Protein backbone atom coordinates (compact mmCIF):
# COMPACT_ATOMS: atom_id res chain seq x y z
CA MET A 1 11.35 -15.99 7.06
CA ASN A 2 13.27 -13.84 9.21
CA TYR A 3 11.15 -10.64 9.50
CA ASP A 4 13.99 -8.56 10.94
CA ILE A 5 16.25 -8.98 8.16
CA VAL A 6 13.54 -8.02 5.67
CA TYR A 7 12.56 -4.85 7.72
CA ASP A 8 16.19 -3.97 7.61
CA ILE A 9 16.33 -4.38 3.80
CA ILE A 10 13.16 -2.40 3.59
CA ILE A 11 14.62 0.58 5.81
CA LEU A 12 17.67 0.79 3.32
CA VAL A 13 15.64 0.74 0.38
CA MET A 14 13.64 3.68 1.82
CA LYS A 15 16.42 5.56 2.84
CA GLU A 16 17.84 5.30 -0.38
CA PHE A 17 14.72 6.94 -1.97
CA GLN A 18 14.51 9.77 0.66
CA ASP A 19 12.36 12.19 -1.69
CA TYR A 20 10.10 8.94 -2.56
CA GLU A 21 9.24 10.34 -6.00
CA CYS A 22 11.76 7.58 -7.36
CA MET A 23 10.07 4.87 -6.11
CA ASP A 24 9.03 2.62 -8.78
CA TYR A 25 6.58 -0.29 -9.07
CA GLU A 26 8.78 -3.18 -8.37
CA LYS A 27 10.22 -1.31 -5.10
CA ALA A 28 7.02 -0.36 -3.77
CA ARG A 29 5.42 -3.86 -4.51
CA CYS A 30 8.47 -5.56 -2.93
CA ILE A 31 8.08 -3.58 0.31
CA LEU A 32 4.33 -4.38 0.33
CA GLU A 33 4.62 -7.79 -0.37
CA THR A 34 7.70 -8.80 1.85
CA THR A 35 6.72 -7.08 5.31
CA ASN A 36 4.35 -8.77 7.40
CA LYS A 37 1.04 -7.26 7.09
CA ARG A 38 0.70 -7.16 10.80
CA ASN A 39 3.73 -5.36 11.46
CA PHE A 40 3.80 -3.21 8.61
CA PRO A 41 4.99 0.52 9.45
CA PHE A 42 2.03 3.19 9.27
CA LYS A 43 4.51 5.90 8.34
CA THR A 44 5.93 3.76 5.34
CA LEU A 45 2.49 2.76 4.20
CA GLU A 46 1.59 6.57 4.29
CA LYS A 47 4.70 7.51 2.24
CA ILE A 48 4.00 4.97 -0.34
CA CYS A 49 0.43 6.16 -0.87
CA ASP A 50 1.92 9.90 -1.00
CA VAL A 51 4.11 8.89 -4.17
CA TYR A 52 1.14 7.65 -6.10
CA PHE A 53 -1.83 9.19 -4.95
CA GLY A 54 -0.61 12.80 -3.79
CA GLU A 55 -1.35 14.93 -0.78
CA PRO A 56 -4.14 13.24 1.31
CA ARG A 57 -6.67 15.18 3.41
CA ARG A 58 -7.04 14.39 6.91
CA LYS A 59 -9.65 14.13 9.41
CA GLY A 60 -9.06 13.27 13.02
CA SER A 61 -6.60 10.09 12.90
CA HIS A 62 -8.09 9.17 9.21
CA VAL A 63 -5.72 9.89 6.14
CA ILE A 64 -7.84 9.91 3.03
CA TYR A 65 -6.38 9.91 -0.54
CA LYS A 66 -8.18 10.83 -3.54
CA MET A 67 -8.24 8.08 -6.06
CA PRO A 68 -7.71 8.86 -10.09
CA TRP A 69 -10.69 6.39 -10.48
CA SER A 70 -14.24 5.84 -8.97
CA GLY A 71 -14.82 2.98 -6.99
CA ASP A 72 -12.50 0.74 -5.01
CA PRO A 73 -10.00 0.28 -4.10
CA ARG A 74 -10.01 3.60 -1.87
CA ILE A 75 -7.52 4.41 0.44
CA ASN A 76 -8.69 5.52 4.03
CA LEU A 77 -5.72 4.75 6.40
CA GLN A 78 -5.75 4.79 10.19
CA PRO A 79 -3.15 3.64 12.52
CA ASP A 80 -3.96 0.67 14.49
CA LYS A 81 -5.40 1.57 17.96
CA LYS A 82 -3.15 -0.91 19.72
CA ASP A 83 0.03 0.32 18.25
CA PRO A 84 -0.28 3.61 16.46
CA SER A 85 3.08 3.00 14.74
CA LYS A 86 1.66 0.11 12.72
CA ALA A 87 -0.84 -0.08 9.93
CA LYS A 88 -4.00 -2.25 9.89
CA PRO A 89 -3.28 -5.41 7.83
CA TYR A 90 -6.30 -5.13 5.54
CA GLN A 91 -5.05 -1.52 4.73
CA VAL A 92 -1.71 -2.79 3.69
CA GLU A 93 -3.76 -5.15 1.11
CA THR A 94 -5.78 -2.31 -0.15
CA VAL A 95 -2.81 -0.44 -0.87
CA ARG A 96 -1.24 -3.06 -2.61
CA LYS A 97 -4.36 -3.47 -4.90
CA ALA A 98 -4.42 0.28 -5.30
CA VAL A 99 -0.98 0.30 -6.61
CA ASP A 100 -1.37 -2.45 -8.83
CA ARG A 101 -4.51 -0.89 -10.48
CA TRP A 102 -2.46 2.38 -10.90
CA PHE A 103 0.22 0.61 -12.78
CA GLY A 104 -2.59 -1.37 -14.75
CA GLU A 105 -3.77 1.84 -15.68
CA CYS A 106 -0.72 3.70 -16.72
């Protein structure tokens, strides 16, 4: 799979929804599934979480979202130490699970 083309498509989708409040489940899921987890932009992951889970609290480099449920998945984001513009791969998977649960409970 050519990840450069996928990334370009994701950027176009994100630009189309500048306010990010219009992002539905299919678009969020597409972005989370088609982007390589090792190269996932931290800001994009943060914006997806902002849409579904509201304003985060910040503690140092951590971005912590309050979940509408108790227990897992919980979202505590932190940029990768090696490349702060990228999210940690396991966090992309956690956000995907949280978005799935969000739409499963709606």
